[in-house]
Amino acid sequence: MQRLVFIILTLVLFYLITDKTTFANDINQESTPPIIDIKPDSFFVSISEGKFITRNIKVLNRGGEPLYIKSITSSCQCGSSRILAGKVEPLGIGKIQLSVNTEGLYDGNNIVEFIVNSTARNSPTQIKFVIDTTAVDTNKTVIEK
């Protein structure tokens, strides 16, 4: 009888210890700060694509806590942005939209940089548009999905 009680107590203790260890691992994973990963992080585009060049960008959260996109700024007034999904769950995918008005850009290659500010530990993050302005047709708008 004592042997049976000993075995039952041992099994209960083992279960309690194992359950707490698993819970501790879950807490450690959740406390990993968000890490932003932007795909793609640069573009080479031709002005022949249109007067306004727009791209939808995937934002990945490689951390263990939710990622919040706070703001996006452009290096010039020709750039604009929209946050399509401002909260990105751990290992989830969000979206932002970036646009560049190519009117008034000079001949050659122009670089427009966007800075994404977020709660990620590697924030701010940069996205570059390299725009080839040697083409002339600027009367159309292109939106990439």
N, C-alpha and C. Protein backbone atom coordinates (compact mmCIF):
# COMPACT_ATOMS: atom_id res chain seq x y z
N MET A 1 0.81 -1.19 0.00
CA MET A 1 0.00 0.00 0.00
C MET A 1 0.86 1.27 0.00
N GLN A 2 1.93 1.26 0.83
CA GLN A 2 2.82 2.42 0.88
C GLN A 2 3.51 2.63 -0.47
N ARG A 3 3.80 1.54 -1.12
CA ARG A 3 4.44 1.61 -2.42
C ARG A 3 3.51 2.29 -3.44
N LEU A 4 2.25 1.96 -3.42
CA LEU A 4 1.27 2.55 -4.32
C LEU A 4 1.13 4.05 -4.06
N VAL A 5 1.05 4.46 -2.80
CA VAL A 5 0.96 5.87 -2.44
C VAL A 5 2.23 6.60 -2.90
N PHE A 6 3.38 6.00 -2.73
CA PHE A 6 4.64 6.60 -3.16
C PHE A 6 4.66 6.81 -4.68
N ILE A 7 4.21 5.83 -5.43
CA ILE A 7 4.19 5.92 -6.90
C ILE A 7 3.22 7.02 -7.34
N ILE A 8 2.06 7.09 -6.72
CA ILE A 8 1.08 8.12 -7.08
C ILE A 8 1.62 9.52 -6.77
N LEU A 9 2.23 9.70 -5.60
CA LEU A 9 2.80 10.99 -5.25
C LEU A 9 3.94 11.38 -6.21
N THR A 10 4.74 10.41 -6.59
CA THR A 10 5.83 10.67 -7.53
C THR A 10 5.27 11.12 -8.87
N LEU A 11 4.24 10.45 -9.35
CA LEU A 11 3.64 10.84 -10.63
C LEU A 11 3.01 12.23 -10.56
N VAL A 12 2.33 12.54 -9.45
CA VAL A 12 1.74 13.86 -9.29
C VAL A 12 2.81 14.93 -9.26
N LEU A 13 3.90 14.70 -8.52
CA LEU A 13 5.00 15.66 -8.48
C LEU A 13 5.63 15.85 -9.86
N PHE A 14 5.84 14.76 -10.56
CA PHE A 14 6.42 14.84 -11.91
C PHE A 14 5.52 15.67 -12.83
N TYR A 15 4.20 15.44 -12.76
CA TYR A 15 3.26 16.20 -13.57
C TYR A 15 3.30 17.69 -13.24
N LEU A 16 3.33 18.02 -11.96
CA LEU A 16 3.35 19.42 -11.54
C LEU A 16 4.64 20.12 -11.98
N ILE A 17 5.75 19.45 -11.85
CA ILE A 17 7.04 20.04 -12.25
C ILE A 17 7.08 20.24 -13.76
N THR A 18 6.64 19.24 -14.51
CA THR A 18 6.65 19.33 -15.98
C THR A 18 5.72 20.45 -16.45
N ASP A 19 4.56 20.58 -15.87
CA ASP A 19 3.60 21.60 -16.26
C ASP A 19 4.17 23.00 -16.01
N LYS A 20 4.82 23.22 -14.88
CA LYS A 20 5.40 24.52 -14.57
C LYS A 20 6.54 24.86 -15.52
N THR A 21 7.35 23.88 -15.88
CA THR A 21 8.46 24.10 -16.81
C THR A 21 7.92 24.52 -18.17
N THR A 22 6.88 23.85 -18.65
CA THR A 22 6.28 24.21 -19.93
C THR A 22 5.72 25.63 -19.88
N PHE A 23 5.05 25.98 -18.79
CA PHE A 23 4.50 27.31 -18.63
C PHE A 23 5.61 28.35 -18.61
N ALA A 24 6.73 28.07 -17.93
CA ALA A 24 7.85 29.00 -17.89
C ALA A 24 8.42 29.21 -19.29
N ASN A 25 8.50 28.16 -20.10
CA ASN A 25 9.00 28.31 -21.47
C ASN A 25 8.06 29.17 -22.29
N ASP A 26 6.75 29.01 -22.10
CA ASP A 26 5.78 29.84 -22.82
C ASP A 26 5.94 31.31 -22.46
N ILE A 27 6.15 31.60 -21.18
CA ILE A 27 6.33 32.99 -20.73
C ILE A 27 7.60 33.57 -21.34
N ASN A 28 8.70 32.79 -21.36
CA ASN A 28 9.95 33.29 -21.94
C ASN A 28 9.80 33.60 -23.42
N GLN A 29 9.06 32.77 -24.14
CA GLN A 29 8.88 33.01 -25.56
C GLN A 29 8.05 34.27 -25.78
N GLU A 30 7.02 34.49 -24.98
CA GLU A 30 6.19 35.67 -25.15
C GLU A 30 6.93 36.95 -24.79
N SER A 31 7.93 36.86 -23.91
CA SER A 31 8.63 38.07 -23.50
C SER A 31 9.72 38.49 -24.48
N THR A 32 9.91 37.74 -25.56
CA THR A 32 10.87 38.14 -26.58
C THR A 32 10.30 39.35 -27.30
N PRO A 33 11.02 40.46 -27.34
CA PRO A 33 10.47 41.67 -27.98
C PRO A 33 10.23 41.45 -29.47
N PRO A 34 9.32 42.24 -30.05
CA PRO A 34 9.07 42.10 -31.48
C PRO A 34 10.30 42.47 -32.31
N ILE A 35 10.47 41.77 -33.42
CA ILE A 35 11.56 42.03 -34.36
C ILE A 35 10.91 42.22 -35.72
N ILE A 36 11.10 43.39 -36.32
CA ILE A 36 10.47 43.69 -37.60
C ILE A 36 11.37 43.21 -38.74
N ASP A 37 10.73 42.58 -39.73
CA ASP A 37 11.42 42.12 -40.93
C ASP A 37 10.55 42.55 -42.11
N ILE A 38 11.08 43.41 -42.95
CA ILE A 38 10.31 43.98 -44.06
C ILE A 38 10.75 43.31 -45.36
N LYS A 39 9.76 42.81 -46.10
CA LYS A 39 10.03 42.12 -47.36
C LYS A 39 9.22 42.74 -48.48
N PRO A 40 9.81 43.17 -49.56
CA PRO A 40 11.23 43.49 -49.74
C PRO A 40 11.57 44.82 -49.09
N ASP A 41 12.85 45.05 -48.87
CA ASP A 41 13.26 46.29 -48.20
C ASP A 41 13.85 47.32 -49.16
N SER A 42 13.86 47.00 -50.46
CA SER A 42 14.31 47.98 -51.46
C SER A 42 13.70 47.63 -52.82
N PHE A 43 13.59 48.68 -53.66
CA PHE A 43 13.00 48.53 -55.00
C PHE A 43 13.83 49.31 -55.99
N PHE A 44 13.96 48.80 -57.20
CA PHE A 44 14.48 49.57 -58.32
C PHE A 44 13.34 49.67 -59.31
N VAL A 45 12.85 50.87 -59.54
CA VAL A 45 11.70 51.07 -60.42
C VAL A 45 12.03 52.11 -61.48
N SER A 46 11.30 52.02 -62.58
CA SER A 46 11.46 52.97 -63.68
C SER A 46 10.32 53.97 -63.64
N ILE A 47 10.61 55.20 -63.96
CA ILE A 47 9.58 56.24 -63.99
C ILE A 47 8.54 55.92 -65.06
N SER A 48 8.87 55.05 -66.01
CA SER A 48 7.90 54.68 -67.05
C SER A 48 6.72 53.90 -66.47
N GLU A 49 6.83 53.46 -65.21
CA GLU A 49 5.71 52.76 -64.57
C GLU A 49 4.55 53.72 -64.32
N GLY A 50 4.80 54.99 -64.29
CA GLY A 50 3.72 55.95 -64.08
C GLY A 50 4.13 57.10 -63.20
N LYS A 51 3.25 58.08 -63.10
CA LYS A 51 3.52 59.27 -62.30
C LYS A 51 3.59 58.91 -60.81
N PHE A 52 2.69 58.01 -60.38
CA PHE A 52 2.70 57.55 -59.00
C PHE A 52 3.09 56.08 -58.98
N ILE A 53 4.11 55.76 -58.22
CA ILE A 53 4.55 54.38 -58.07
C ILE A 53 4.17 53.94 -56.66
N THR A 54 3.38 52.87 -56.58
CA THR A 54 2.87 52.40 -55.29
C THR A 54 3.25 50.94 -55.09
N ARG A 55 3.67 50.61 -53.88
CA ARG A 55 4.02 49.23 -53.53
C ARG A 55 3.40 48.86 -52.20
N ASN A 56 2.88 47.64 -52.12
CA ASN A 56 2.43 47.07 -50.86
C ASN A 56 3.57 46.22 -50.30
N ILE A 57 3.90 46.44 -49.05
CA ILE A 57 5.05 45.81 -48.42
C ILE A 57 4.58 44.90 -47.30
N LYS A 58 5.17 43.70 -47.21
CA LYS A 58 4.88 42.79 -46.11
C LYS A 58 5.77 43.12 -44.92
N VAL A 59 5.16 43.15 -43.75
CA VAL A 59 5.88 43.40 -42.50
C VAL A 59 5.73 42.14 -41.65
N LEU A 60 6.85 41.49 -41.37
CA LEU A 60 6.85 40.26 -40.58
C LEU A 60 7.28 40.57 -39.15
N ASN A 61 6.65 39.92 -38.18
CA ASN A 61 7.05 40.04 -36.78
C ASN A 61 7.71 38.74 -36.37
N ARG A 62 9.01 38.76 -36.20
CA ARG A 62 9.77 37.56 -35.84
C ARG A 62 9.97 37.43 -34.33
N GLY A 63 9.33 38.28 -33.55
CA GLY A 63 9.46 38.25 -32.10
C GLY A 63 8.33 37.49 -31.43
N GLY A 64 8.31 37.56 -30.10
CA GLY A 64 7.32 36.84 -29.32
C GLY A 64 6.21 37.72 -28.76
N GLU A 65 6.26 39.01 -29.01
CA GLU A 65 5.22 39.95 -28.56
C GLU A 65 4.64 40.67 -29.76
N PRO A 66 3.44 41.22 -29.65
CA PRO A 66 2.85 41.96 -30.78
C PRO A 66 3.73 43.15 -31.19
N LEU A 67 3.77 43.39 -32.48
CA LEU A 67 4.50 44.50 -33.08
C LEU A 67 3.49 45.58 -33.45
N TYR A 68 3.78 46.83 -33.07
CA TYR A 68 2.91 47.95 -33.41
C TYR A 68 3.68 48.91 -34.30
N ILE A 69 3.16 49.17 -35.50
CA ILE A 69 3.77 50.13 -36.40
C ILE A 69 3.24 51.50 -36.01
N LYS A 70 4.14 52.40 -35.59
CA LYS A 70 3.72 53.71 -35.09
C LYS A 70 3.59 54.74 -36.20
N SER A 71 4.60 54.79 -37.08
CA SER A 71 4.58 55.81 -38.13
C SER A 71 5.54 55.43 -39.24
N ILE A 72 5.35 56.08 -40.39
CA ILE A 72 6.25 55.92 -41.53
C ILE A 72 6.55 57.31 -42.06
N THR A 73 7.82 57.64 -42.19
CA THR A 73 8.21 58.95 -42.72
C THR A 73 9.00 58.76 -44.01
N SER A 74 8.94 59.78 -44.86
CA SER A 74 9.63 59.75 -46.15
C SER A 74 10.76 60.77 -46.14
N SER A 75 11.79 60.50 -46.95
CA SER A 75 12.92 61.41 -47.04
C SER A 75 12.61 62.66 -47.86
N CYS A 76 11.48 62.66 -48.57
CA CYS A 76 11.09 63.85 -49.33
C CYS A 76 9.57 63.95 -49.38
N GLN A 77 9.07 65.09 -49.84
CA GLN A 77 7.63 65.29 -49.92
C GLN A 77 6.98 64.48 -51.03
N CYS A 78 7.78 63.88 -51.89
CA CYS A 78 7.24 63.07 -52.98
C CYS A 78 6.76 61.71 -52.48
N GLY A 79 7.10 61.33 -51.25
CA GLY A 79 6.71 60.03 -50.72
C GLY A 79 5.53 60.12 -49.78
N SER A 80 4.65 59.12 -49.86
CA SER A 80 3.53 59.03 -48.92
C SER A 80 3.36 57.57 -48.52
N SER A 81 2.66 57.36 -47.41
CA SER A 81 2.52 55.99 -46.90
C SER A 81 1.19 55.79 -46.21
N ARG A 82 0.81 54.53 -46.08
CA ARG A 82 -0.39 54.13 -45.33
C ARG A 82 -0.06 52.87 -44.56
N ILE A 83 -0.49 52.83 -43.32
CA ILE A 83 -0.34 51.62 -42.51
C ILE A 83 -1.63 50.82 -42.71
N LEU A 84 -1.53 49.68 -43.37
CA LEU A 84 -2.72 48.87 -43.66
C LEU A 84 -3.04 47.92 -42.51
N ALA A 85 -2.03 47.49 -41.77
CA ALA A 85 -2.22 46.64 -40.59
C ALA A 85 -1.20 47.07 -39.56
N GLY A 86 -1.62 47.88 -38.58
CA GLY A 86 -0.70 48.47 -37.61
C GLY A 86 -0.28 47.56 -36.48
N LYS A 87 -1.05 46.51 -36.23
CA LYS A 87 -0.70 45.54 -35.19
C LYS A 87 -0.39 44.22 -35.87
N VAL A 88 0.81 43.67 -35.58
CA VAL A 88 1.23 42.41 -36.17
C VAL A 88 1.53 41.45 -35.02
N GLU A 89 0.77 40.36 -34.96
CA GLU A 89 0.96 39.37 -33.90
C GLU A 89 2.30 38.64 -34.08
N PRO A 90 2.80 37.99 -33.03
CA PRO A 90 4.05 37.23 -33.15
C PRO A 90 3.99 36.23 -34.30
N LEU A 91 5.03 36.23 -35.11
CA LEU A 91 5.16 35.39 -36.30
C LEU A 91 4.07 35.67 -37.34
N GLY A 92 3.43 36.83 -37.23
CA GLY A 92 2.37 37.22 -38.16
C GLY A 92 2.89 38.15 -39.25
N ILE A 93 2.00 38.46 -40.18
CA ILE A 93 2.34 39.31 -41.32
C ILE A 93 1.37 40.50 -41.35
N GLY A 94 1.93 41.70 -41.46
CA GLY A 94 1.14 42.91 -41.63
C GLY A 94 1.46 43.52 -42.98
N LYS A 95 0.84 44.66 -43.28
CA LYS A 95 1.08 45.33 -44.57
C LYS A 95 1.14 46.83 -44.39
N ILE A 96 2.00 47.44 -45.19
CA ILE A 96 2.04 48.89 -45.34
C ILE A 96 2.04 49.19 -46.83
N GLN A 97 1.63 50.40 -47.18
CA GLN A 97 1.62 50.82 -48.58
C GLN A 97 2.46 52.08 -48.72
N LEU A 98 3.39 52.06 -49.67
CA LEU A 98 4.27 53.20 -49.93
C LEU A 98 4.05 53.70 -51.35
N SER A 99 4.02 55.03 -51.51
CA SER A 99 3.83 55.63 -52.84
C SER A 99 4.84 56.74 -53.04
N VAL A 100 5.25 56.91 -54.30
CA VAL A 100 6.16 57.98 -54.67
C VAL A 100 5.58 58.71 -55.87
N ASN A 101 5.48 60.04 -55.78
CA ASN A 101 5.08 60.88 -56.90
C ASN A 101 6.36 61.24 -57.65
N THR A 102 6.50 60.74 -58.87
CA THR A 102 7.74 60.93 -59.63
C THR A 102 7.81 62.27 -60.35
N GLU A 103 6.73 63.04 -60.32
CA GLU A 103 6.74 64.34 -60.99
C GLU A 103 7.77 65.25 -60.33
N GLY A 104 8.63 65.83 -61.11
CA GLY A 104 9.63 66.74 -60.58
C GLY A 104 10.93 66.09 -60.17
N LEU A 105 11.05 64.78 -60.31
CA LEU A 105 12.32 64.14 -60.01
C LEU A 105 13.31 64.40 -61.14
N TYR A 106 14.57 64.48 -60.81
CA TYR A 106 15.61 64.82 -61.78
C TYR A 106 16.03 63.60 -62.59
N ASP A 107 16.76 63.87 -63.71
CA ASP A 107 17.27 62.79 -64.56
C ASP A 107 18.24 61.92 -63.79
N GLY A 108 18.24 60.64 -64.15
CA GLY A 108 19.14 59.69 -63.50
C GLY A 108 18.42 58.89 -62.42
N ASN A 109 19.18 58.40 -61.45
CA ASN A 109 18.60 57.62 -60.36
C ASN A 109 18.32 58.51 -59.16
N ASN A 110 17.13 58.42 -58.64
CA ASN A 110 16.72 59.14 -57.43
C ASN A 110 16.42 58.11 -56.36
N ILE A 111 16.79 58.42 -55.14
CA ILE A 111 16.53 57.51 -54.02
C ILE A 111 15.56 58.19 -53.06
N VAL A 112 14.45 57.50 -52.79
CA VAL A 112 13.48 57.95 -51.79
C VAL A 112 13.50 56.91 -50.68
N GLU A 113 13.79 57.37 -49.47
CA GLU A 113 13.86 56.46 -48.33
C GLU A 113 12.64 56.64 -47.44
N PHE A 114 12.12 55.51 -46.98
CA PHE A 114 11.03 55.51 -46.01
C PHE A 114 11.56 54.90 -44.71
N ILE A 115 11.21 55.51 -43.59
CA ILE A 115 11.61 55.03 -42.28
C ILE A 115 10.36 54.55 -41.55
N VAL A 116 10.37 53.27 -41.14
CA VAL A 116 9.25 52.68 -40.42
C VAL A 116 9.60 52.66 -38.93
N ASN A 117 8.82 53.38 -38.14
CA ASN A 117 9.00 53.42 -36.69
C ASN A 117 7.99 52.49 -36.05
N SER A 118 8.49 51.61 -35.17
CA SER A 118 7.61 50.61 -34.55
C SER A 118 8.11 50.29 -33.15
N THR A 119 7.44 49.35 -32.52
CA THR A 119 7.84 48.90 -31.19
C THR A 119 8.90 47.80 -31.26
N ALA A 120 9.39 47.47 -32.43
CA ALA A 120 10.40 46.42 -32.60
C ALA A 120 11.73 46.86 -32.02
N ARG A 121 12.50 45.89 -31.55
CA ARG A 121 13.81 46.23 -30.98
C ARG A 121 14.79 46.70 -32.05
N ASN A 122 14.56 46.37 -33.32
CA ASN A 122 15.42 46.82 -34.41
C ASN A 122 14.81 48.00 -35.18
N SER A 123 13.96 48.76 -34.50
CA SER A 123 13.34 49.94 -35.11
C SER A 123 14.21 51.16 -34.85
N PRO A 124 14.28 52.12 -35.75
CA PRO A 124 13.57 52.25 -37.01
C PRO A 124 14.19 51.37 -38.11
N THR A 125 13.36 51.08 -39.12
CA THR A 125 13.76 50.23 -40.24
C THR A 125 13.59 51.03 -41.53
N GLN A 126 14.50 50.83 -42.46
CA GLN A 126 14.53 51.63 -43.69
C GLN A 126 14.10 50.82 -44.90
N ILE A 127 13.36 51.48 -45.81
CA ILE A 127 12.99 50.92 -47.12
C ILE A 127 13.41 51.93 -48.17
N LYS A 128 14.06 51.46 -49.24
CA LYS A 128 14.54 52.38 -50.28
C LYS A 128 13.84 52.13 -51.61
N PHE A 129 13.45 53.23 -52.25
CA PHE A 129 13.00 53.22 -53.64
C PHE A 129 14.12 53.86 -54.45
N VAL A 130 14.68 53.14 -55.40
CA VAL A 130 15.63 53.72 -56.35
C VAL A 130 14.85 53.89 -57.65
N ILE A 131 14.70 55.14 -58.09
CA ILE A 131 13.83 55.45 -59.23
C ILE A 131 14.67 55.93 -60.40
N ASP A 132 14.56 55.20 -61.52
CA ASP A 132 15.24 55.57 -62.76
C ASP A 132 14.35 56.54 -63.51
N THR A 133 14.78 57.79 -63.65
CA THR A 133 13.95 58.81 -64.29
C THR A 133 14.35 59.08 -65.73
N THR A 134 15.01 58.14 -66.40
CA THR A 134 15.41 58.39 -67.79
C THR A 134 14.26 58.20 -68.76
N ALA A 135 13.16 57.55 -68.35
CA ALA A 135 11.99 57.38 -69.22
C ALA A 135 11.12 58.63 -69.16
N VAL A 136 10.22 58.76 -70.12
CA VAL A 136 9.45 59.99 -70.23
C VAL A 136 7.97 59.84 -69.89
N ASP A 137 7.35 58.68 -70.11
CA ASP A 137 5.90 58.50 -69.94
C ASP A 137 5.53 58.56 -68.46
N THR A 138 4.92 59.68 -68.02
CA THR A 138 4.55 59.85 -66.61
C THR A 138 3.05 60.06 -66.43
N ASN A 139 2.23 59.52 -67.34
CA ASN A 139 0.80 59.76 -67.27
C ASN A 139 -0.02 58.60 -66.73
N LYS A 140 0.62 57.56 -66.20
CA LYS A 140 -0.17 56.43 -65.69
C LYS A 140 0.22 56.13 -64.24
N THR A 141 -0.67 55.44 -63.55
CA THR A 141 -0.46 55.04 -62.16
C THR A 141 -0.41 53.53 -62.09
N VAL A 142 0.57 53.00 -61.35
CA VAL A 142 0.71 51.55 -61.21
C VAL A 142 0.59 51.21 -59.73
N ILE A 143 -0.27 50.22 -59.42
CA ILE A 143 -0.39 49.75 -58.04
C ILE A 143 -0.09 48.26 -58.04
N GLU A 144 0.88 47.87 -57.23
CA GLU A 144 1.24 46.46 -57.09
C GLU A 144 0.47 45.87 -55.94
N LYS A 145 -0.10 44.71 -56.11
CA LYS A 145 -0.90 44.06 -55.06
C LYS A 145 -0.09 43.07 -54.29
